[in-house]
Amino acid sequence: MSQTLFQYQISTYEKQSFTELDPYLEDALMKSGVKDGLMVVYCPHTTAAITINENADPDVKRDLSVGLNQTFPNKREYVHMEGNSDGHMKSSVIGANETLIISDGKLILGTWQSVYFCEFDGPRRRTVYVKVLEG
């Protein structure tokens, strides 16, 4: 079983944002040479996440942002001294990784789907790991 690990740096420019990762994933897939297997996309940050969602309408990202902020507002009652408890909650709910299927040298995603890096405590420079597994 072939395994290849890739590391990418992502710069975010807002407190909360969604950055499409598809170009990075295509790069990792091409460099790996894997035709059939799995790809794991992982974020090692406690105020960021990885998700799969719609890529056709930019309003979806806006609505996700609004919904997350309404669901997890940053309240004065929180005692975490860095003041980013809302980011930790959003990250925990969305999750740190996604697993994708590779078939015939292509990622299997739905017609309107993309993979996104979710920033909840920006702006920052972040790391994303991509592990490609053959098999």
N, C-alpha and C. Protein backbone atom coordinates (compact mmCIF):
# COMPACT_ATOMS: atom_id res chain seq x y z
N MET A 1 0.84 -1.18 0.00
CA MET A 1 0.00 0.00 0.00
C MET A 1 0.88 1.24 0.00
N SER A 2 0.72 2.09 -0.99
CA SER A 2 1.48 3.33 -1.10
C SER A 2 0.85 4.42 -0.23
N GLN A 3 1.68 5.19 0.45
CA GLN A 3 1.18 6.29 1.27
C GLN A 3 2.02 7.52 1.00
N THR A 4 1.35 8.64 0.84
CA THR A 4 2.06 9.88 0.59
C THR A 4 1.42 10.98 1.41
N LEU A 5 2.25 11.75 2.11
CA LEU A 5 1.77 12.86 2.94
C LEU A 5 2.19 14.18 2.32
N PHE A 6 1.25 15.09 2.20
CA PHE A 6 1.50 16.43 1.68
C PHE A 6 1.10 17.45 2.74
N GLN A 7 1.82 18.56 2.77
CA GLN A 7 1.53 19.64 3.72
C GLN A 7 1.39 20.93 2.92
N TYR A 8 0.31 21.67 3.19
CA TYR A 8 0.06 22.94 2.50
C TYR A 8 -0.16 24.04 3.53
N GLN A 9 0.28 25.24 3.19
CA GLN A 9 0.07 26.40 4.04
C GLN A 9 -1.07 27.23 3.45
N ILE A 10 -2.01 27.59 4.31
CA ILE A 10 -3.17 28.37 3.92
C ILE A 10 -3.14 29.68 4.70
N SER A 11 -3.24 30.80 4.01
CA SER A 11 -3.35 32.10 4.68
C SER A 11 -4.80 32.53 4.67
N THR A 12 -5.31 32.90 5.83
CA THR A 12 -6.67 33.41 5.92
C THR A 12 -6.60 34.89 6.26
N TYR A 13 -7.61 35.63 5.84
CA TYR A 13 -7.55 37.08 5.95
C TYR A 13 -8.71 37.68 6.72
N GLU A 14 -9.60 36.83 7.23
CA GLU A 14 -10.75 37.31 7.98
C GLU A 14 -10.89 36.49 9.26
N LYS A 15 -11.68 36.98 10.19
CA LYS A 15 -11.96 36.24 11.43
C LYS A 15 -12.57 34.88 11.11
N GLN A 16 -13.53 34.87 10.17
CA GLN A 16 -14.18 33.62 9.78
C GLN A 16 -14.27 33.57 8.26
N SER A 17 -13.80 32.45 7.69
CA SER A 17 -13.82 32.33 6.23
C SER A 17 -13.79 30.86 5.83
N PHE A 18 -14.10 30.62 4.56
CA PHE A 18 -14.10 29.28 3.98
C PHE A 18 -13.24 29.32 2.72
N THR A 19 -12.13 28.59 2.73
CA THR A 19 -11.18 28.57 1.62
C THR A 19 -11.29 27.25 0.89
N GLU A 20 -11.56 27.30 -0.41
CA GLU A 20 -11.67 26.08 -1.20
C GLU A 20 -10.31 25.39 -1.29
N LEU A 21 -10.27 24.10 -0.99
CA LEU A 21 -9.03 23.33 -0.99
C LEU A 21 -8.84 22.49 -2.25
N ASP A 22 -9.82 22.46 -3.14
CA ASP A 22 -9.75 21.58 -4.31
C ASP A 22 -8.44 21.67 -5.09
N PRO A 23 -7.89 22.86 -5.35
CA PRO A 23 -6.60 22.90 -6.08
C PRO A 23 -5.47 22.19 -5.34
N TYR A 24 -5.44 22.30 -4.02
CA TYR A 24 -4.42 21.62 -3.22
C TYR A 24 -4.61 20.10 -3.29
N LEU A 25 -5.86 19.67 -3.23
CA LEU A 25 -6.15 18.24 -3.26
C LEU A 25 -5.82 17.64 -4.61
N GLU A 26 -6.11 18.36 -5.67
CA GLU A 26 -5.76 17.90 -7.01
C GLU A 26 -4.25 17.81 -7.17
N ASP A 27 -3.52 18.76 -6.59
CA ASP A 27 -2.06 18.74 -6.62
C ASP A 27 -1.52 17.50 -5.90
N ALA A 28 -2.05 17.23 -4.72
CA ALA A 28 -1.61 16.06 -3.95
C ALA A 28 -1.92 14.77 -4.71
N LEU A 29 -3.10 14.70 -5.29
CA LEU A 29 -3.49 13.51 -6.03
C LEU A 29 -2.58 13.27 -7.23
N MET A 30 -2.32 14.33 -7.98
CA MET A 30 -1.45 14.22 -9.16
C MET A 30 -0.03 13.80 -8.76
N LYS A 31 0.52 14.43 -7.72
CA LYS A 31 1.88 14.11 -7.28
C LYS A 31 1.98 12.70 -6.71
N SER A 32 0.90 12.21 -6.11
CA SER A 32 0.93 10.88 -5.52
C SER A 32 0.91 9.78 -6.57
N GLY A 33 0.26 10.05 -7.71
CA GLY A 33 0.12 9.03 -8.74
C GLY A 33 -0.89 7.95 -8.42
N VAL A 34 -1.61 8.10 -7.31
CA VAL A 34 -2.59 7.09 -6.90
C VAL A 34 -3.82 7.16 -7.80
N LYS A 35 -4.26 6.00 -8.26
CA LYS A 35 -5.43 5.92 -9.14
C LYS A 35 -6.68 5.46 -8.39
N ASP A 36 -6.51 4.64 -7.37
CA ASP A 36 -7.63 4.16 -6.57
C ASP A 36 -7.20 4.11 -5.11
N GLY A 37 -8.01 4.68 -4.25
CA GLY A 37 -7.67 4.67 -2.83
C GLY A 37 -8.49 5.69 -2.07
N LEU A 38 -7.84 6.26 -1.05
CA LEU A 38 -8.48 7.23 -0.18
C LEU A 38 -7.59 8.45 -0.01
N MET A 39 -8.22 9.57 0.26
CA MET A 39 -7.50 10.80 0.60
C MET A 39 -8.09 11.33 1.90
N VAL A 40 -7.21 11.57 2.87
CA VAL A 40 -7.63 12.16 4.14
C VAL A 40 -7.10 13.59 4.18
N VAL A 41 -7.98 14.53 4.45
CA VAL A 41 -7.63 15.94 4.56
C VAL A 41 -7.79 16.31 6.03
N TYR A 42 -6.71 16.81 6.65
CA TYR A 42 -6.68 17.01 8.09
C TYR A 42 -6.17 18.40 8.45
N CYS A 43 -6.78 18.99 9.44
CA CYS A 43 -6.42 20.32 9.94
C CYS A 43 -5.99 20.20 11.40
N PRO A 44 -4.72 20.52 11.75
CA PRO A 44 -4.26 20.36 13.13
C PRO A 44 -4.46 21.61 13.99
N HIS A 45 -5.58 22.29 13.82
CA HIS A 45 -5.83 23.53 14.56
C HIS A 45 -7.16 23.43 15.30
N THR A 46 -7.21 23.97 16.51
CA THR A 46 -8.42 23.84 17.34
C THR A 46 -9.46 24.91 17.10
N THR A 47 -9.16 25.89 16.25
CA THR A 47 -10.16 26.89 15.88
C THR A 47 -10.32 26.95 14.36
N ALA A 48 -10.16 25.81 13.73
CA ALA A 48 -10.36 25.69 12.28
C ALA A 48 -10.92 24.30 12.01
N ALA A 49 -11.38 24.06 10.78
CA ALA A 49 -12.01 22.78 10.47
C ALA A 49 -11.93 22.50 8.97
N ILE A 50 -12.35 21.30 8.60
CA ILE A 50 -12.44 20.89 7.20
C ILE A 50 -13.88 20.43 6.96
N THR A 51 -14.47 20.86 5.84
CA THR A 51 -15.82 20.42 5.51
C THR A 51 -16.00 20.28 4.01
N ILE A 52 -17.03 19.55 3.64
CA ILE A 52 -17.43 19.43 2.23
C ILE A 52 -18.78 20.13 2.11
N ASN A 53 -18.88 21.03 1.12
CA ASN A 53 -20.15 21.71 0.92
C ASN A 53 -20.24 22.23 -0.50
N GLU A 54 -21.32 22.94 -0.78
CA GLU A 54 -21.60 23.43 -2.13
C GLU A 54 -20.56 24.43 -2.61
N ASN A 55 -20.21 24.33 -3.91
CA ASN A 55 -19.24 25.25 -4.49
C ASN A 55 -19.84 26.14 -5.57
N ALA A 56 -21.10 25.95 -5.92
CA ALA A 56 -21.69 26.68 -7.05
C ALA A 56 -22.18 28.07 -6.67
N ASP A 57 -22.75 28.22 -5.50
CA ASP A 57 -23.34 29.48 -5.09
C ASP A 57 -22.57 30.04 -3.90
N PRO A 58 -21.88 31.17 -4.05
CA PRO A 58 -21.11 31.73 -2.93
C PRO A 58 -21.97 32.13 -1.74
N ASP A 59 -23.27 32.27 -1.95
CA ASP A 59 -24.15 32.60 -0.83
C ASP A 59 -24.20 31.48 0.20
N VAL A 60 -23.90 30.25 -0.21
CA VAL A 60 -23.90 29.13 0.74
C VAL A 60 -22.83 29.37 1.81
N LYS A 61 -21.63 29.81 1.41
CA LYS A 61 -20.57 30.09 2.39
C LYS A 61 -21.00 31.22 3.33
N ARG A 62 -21.64 32.23 2.77
CA ARG A 62 -22.12 33.35 3.59
C ARG A 62 -23.16 32.86 4.59
N ASP A 63 -24.10 32.04 4.10
CA ASP A 63 -25.15 31.53 4.99
C ASP A 63 -24.58 30.61 6.06
N LEU A 64 -23.58 29.79 5.71
CA LEU A 64 -22.91 28.97 6.72
C LEU A 64 -22.30 29.84 7.81
N SER A 65 -21.65 30.90 7.39
CA SER A 65 -21.01 31.81 8.33
C SER A 65 -22.04 32.46 9.26
N VAL A 66 -23.13 32.95 8.68
CA VAL A 66 -24.19 33.56 9.48
C VAL A 66 -24.78 32.55 10.46
N GLY A 67 -25.09 31.35 9.96
CA GLY A 67 -25.68 30.32 10.81
C GLY A 67 -24.76 29.90 11.95
N LEU A 68 -23.48 29.74 11.65
CA LEU A 68 -22.53 29.37 12.70
C LEU A 68 -22.39 30.47 13.75
N ASN A 69 -22.37 31.72 13.30
CA ASN A 69 -22.26 32.84 14.25
C ASN A 69 -23.51 32.95 15.12
N GLN A 70 -24.68 32.67 14.56
CA GLN A 70 -25.91 32.71 15.36
C GLN A 70 -25.97 31.54 16.33
N THR A 71 -25.49 30.39 15.90
CA THR A 71 -25.51 29.20 16.74
C THR A 71 -24.46 29.25 17.84
N PHE A 72 -23.29 29.79 17.50
CA PHE A 72 -22.17 29.87 18.44
C PHE A 72 -21.66 31.30 18.55
N PRO A 73 -22.43 32.20 19.16
CA PRO A 73 -21.93 33.56 19.36
C PRO A 73 -20.82 33.56 20.41
N ASN A 74 -19.95 34.54 20.34
CA ASN A 74 -18.89 34.65 21.35
C ASN A 74 -19.45 35.43 22.53
N LYS A 75 -19.77 34.73 23.61
CA LYS A 75 -20.45 35.32 24.75
C LYS A 75 -19.47 35.81 25.81
N ARG A 76 -19.88 36.86 26.52
CA ARG A 76 -19.06 37.38 27.62
C ARG A 76 -18.87 36.36 28.73
N GLU A 77 -19.82 35.44 28.87
CA GLU A 77 -19.76 34.45 29.96
C GLU A 77 -18.63 33.45 29.77
N TYR A 78 -18.11 33.30 28.57
CA TYR A 78 -17.03 32.34 28.34
C TYR A 78 -15.78 32.80 29.06
N VAL A 79 -15.05 31.87 29.65
CA VAL A 79 -13.89 32.25 30.46
C VAL A 79 -12.56 31.95 29.80
N HIS A 80 -12.56 31.29 28.65
CA HIS A 80 -11.30 31.02 27.94
C HIS A 80 -10.61 32.35 27.65
N MET A 81 -9.39 32.50 28.14
CA MET A 81 -8.73 33.81 28.14
C MET A 81 -8.38 34.35 26.75
N GLU A 82 -8.30 33.50 25.75
CA GLU A 82 -7.96 33.98 24.41
C GLU A 82 -9.14 34.63 23.70
N GLY A 83 -10.35 34.45 24.24
CA GLY A 83 -11.52 35.09 23.66
C GLY A 83 -12.01 34.47 22.37
N ASN A 84 -11.64 33.23 22.11
CA ASN A 84 -12.05 32.58 20.87
C ASN A 84 -12.82 31.28 21.11
N SER A 85 -13.56 31.22 22.20
CA SER A 85 -14.32 30.01 22.52
C SER A 85 -15.30 29.65 21.41
N ASP A 86 -15.86 30.66 20.76
CA ASP A 86 -16.79 30.36 19.66
C ASP A 86 -16.07 29.60 18.54
N GLY A 87 -14.82 29.95 18.27
CA GLY A 87 -14.04 29.25 17.25
C GLY A 87 -13.79 27.80 17.62
N HIS A 88 -13.53 27.54 18.89
CA HIS A 88 -13.33 26.17 19.35
C HIS A 88 -14.61 25.35 19.19
N MET A 89 -15.74 25.95 19.49
CA MET A 89 -17.02 25.25 19.35
C MET A 89 -17.33 24.93 17.89
N LYS A 90 -17.13 25.89 17.02
CA LYS A 90 -17.39 25.69 15.59
C LYS A 90 -16.48 24.59 15.04
N SER A 91 -15.22 24.62 15.43
CA SER A 91 -14.27 23.61 14.98
C SER A 91 -14.68 22.22 15.46
N SER A 92 -15.10 22.12 16.71
CA SER A 92 -15.49 20.83 17.26
C SER A 92 -16.71 20.26 16.54
N VAL A 93 -17.67 21.11 16.20
CA VAL A 93 -18.89 20.64 15.55
C VAL A 93 -18.62 20.23 14.10
N ILE A 94 -17.84 21.01 13.37
CA ILE A 94 -17.59 20.71 11.96
C ILE A 94 -16.57 19.58 11.82
N GLY A 95 -15.50 19.62 12.58
CA GLY A 95 -14.53 18.53 12.57
C GLY A 95 -13.22 18.88 11.91
N ALA A 96 -12.21 18.12 12.25
CA ALA A 96 -10.84 18.39 11.81
C ALA A 96 -10.45 17.71 10.52
N ASN A 97 -11.32 16.81 9.98
CA ASN A 97 -10.90 16.09 8.77
C ASN A 97 -12.08 15.65 7.93
N GLU A 98 -11.74 15.29 6.70
CA GLU A 98 -12.68 14.66 5.76
C GLU A 98 -11.92 13.56 5.03
N THR A 99 -12.61 12.48 4.69
CA THR A 99 -12.03 11.39 3.92
C THR A 99 -12.75 11.32 2.58
N LEU A 100 -11.96 11.26 1.51
CA LEU A 100 -12.50 11.23 0.15
C LEU A 100 -12.10 9.94 -0.55
N ILE A 101 -12.92 9.51 -1.48
CA ILE A 101 -12.63 8.32 -2.28
C ILE A 101 -11.95 8.75 -3.58
N ILE A 102 -10.89 8.01 -3.94
CA ILE A 102 -10.21 8.21 -5.22
C ILE A 102 -10.57 7.02 -6.11
N SER A 103 -11.06 7.30 -7.30
CA SER A 103 -11.41 6.24 -8.25
C SER A 103 -10.98 6.68 -9.65
N ASP A 104 -10.28 5.79 -10.34
CA ASP A 104 -9.79 6.10 -11.69
C ASP A 104 -9.00 7.41 -11.74
N GLY A 105 -8.22 7.69 -10.69
CA GLY A 105 -7.36 8.87 -10.65
C GLY A 105 -8.08 10.17 -10.37
N LYS A 106 -9.35 10.09 -9.93
CA LYS A 106 -10.13 11.30 -9.65
C LYS A 106 -10.77 11.19 -8.28
N LEU A 107 -10.94 12.37 -7.64
CA LEU A 107 -11.68 12.42 -6.39
C LEU A 107 -13.16 12.30 -6.68
N ILE A 108 -13.85 11.51 -5.89
CA ILE A 108 -15.30 11.42 -6.04
C ILE A 108 -15.95 12.47 -5.15
N LEU A 109 -16.49 13.49 -5.80
CA LEU A 109 -17.25 14.54 -5.13
C LEU A 109 -18.53 14.73 -5.92
N GLY A 110 -19.58 15.20 -5.25
CA GLY A 110 -20.82 15.49 -5.94
C GLY A 110 -20.66 16.66 -6.89
N THR A 111 -21.61 16.79 -7.79
CA THR A 111 -21.57 17.83 -8.83
C THR A 111 -21.29 19.21 -8.26
N TRP A 112 -21.90 19.54 -7.13
CA TRP A 112 -21.77 20.89 -6.58
C TRP A 112 -20.82 20.94 -5.38
N GLN A 113 -20.09 19.88 -5.10
CA GLN A 113 -19.28 19.83 -3.89
C GLN A 113 -17.84 20.26 -4.08
N SER A 114 -17.30 20.89 -3.02
CA SER A 114 -15.88 21.20 -2.88
C SER A 114 -15.50 20.94 -1.43
N VAL A 115 -14.20 20.86 -1.20
CA VAL A 115 -13.69 20.70 0.16
C VAL A 115 -13.19 22.07 0.61
N TYR A 116 -13.54 22.45 1.84
CA TYR A 116 -13.21 23.77 2.35
C TYR A 116 -12.42 23.71 3.65
N PHE A 117 -11.46 24.62 3.77
CA PHE A 117 -10.80 24.91 5.03
C PHE A 117 -11.64 25.99 5.70
N CYS A 118 -12.07 25.75 6.92
CA CYS A 118 -12.92 26.69 7.66
C CYS A 118 -12.08 27.39 8.72
N GLU A 119 -11.98 28.68 8.61
CA GLU A 119 -11.24 29.50 9.59
C GLU A 119 -12.23 30.12 10.55
N PHE A 120 -11.97 29.97 11.86
CA PHE A 120 -12.85 30.54 12.87
C PHE A 120 -12.11 31.46 13.84
N ASP A 121 -10.85 31.76 13.59
CA ASP A 121 -10.08 32.62 14.50
C ASP A 121 -8.97 33.33 13.74
N GLY A 122 -9.31 33.86 12.58
CA GLY A 122 -8.31 34.50 11.73
C GLY A 122 -8.18 35.98 12.00
N PRO A 123 -7.37 36.61 11.18
CA PRO A 123 -6.56 36.00 10.13
C PRO A 123 -5.34 35.28 10.69
N ARG A 124 -4.96 34.23 9.99
CA ARG A 124 -3.82 33.40 10.43
C ARG A 124 -3.18 32.70 9.24
N ARG A 125 -2.02 32.13 9.51
CA ARG A 125 -1.37 31.21 8.57
C ARG A 125 -1.58 29.82 9.14
N ARG A 126 -2.19 28.92 8.36
CA ARG A 126 -2.59 27.61 8.83
C ARG A 126 -1.96 26.51 8.00
N THR A 127 -1.97 25.31 8.56
CA THR A 127 -1.44 24.13 7.87
C THR A 127 -2.57 23.15 7.61
N VAL A 128 -2.53 22.55 6.43
CA VAL A 128 -3.47 21.48 6.06
C VAL A 128 -2.62 20.30 5.61
N TYR A 129 -2.92 19.12 6.13
CA TYR A 129 -2.24 17.90 5.72
C TYR A 129 -3.16 17.09 4.83
N VAL A 130 -2.57 16.49 3.81
CA VAL A 130 -3.30 15.61 2.90
C VAL A 130 -2.55 14.30 2.81
N LYS A 131 -3.22 13.23 3.19
CA LYS A 131 -2.63 11.88 3.14
C LYS A 131 -3.35 11.11 2.05
N VAL A 132 -2.59 10.60 1.08
CA VAL A 132 -3.14 9.82 -0.02
C VAL A 132 -2.75 8.36 0.20
N LEU A 133 -3.76 7.50 0.23
CA LEU A 133 -3.56 6.08 0.48
C LEU A 133 -3.99 5.28 -0.72
N GLU A 134 -3.11 4.45 -1.23
CA GLU A 134 -3.44 3.61 -2.37
C GLU A 134 -4.03 2.29 -1.88
N GLY A 135 -5.01 1.81 -2.63
CA GLY A 135 -5.50 0.49 -2.26
C GLY A 135 -6.97 0.31 -2.48
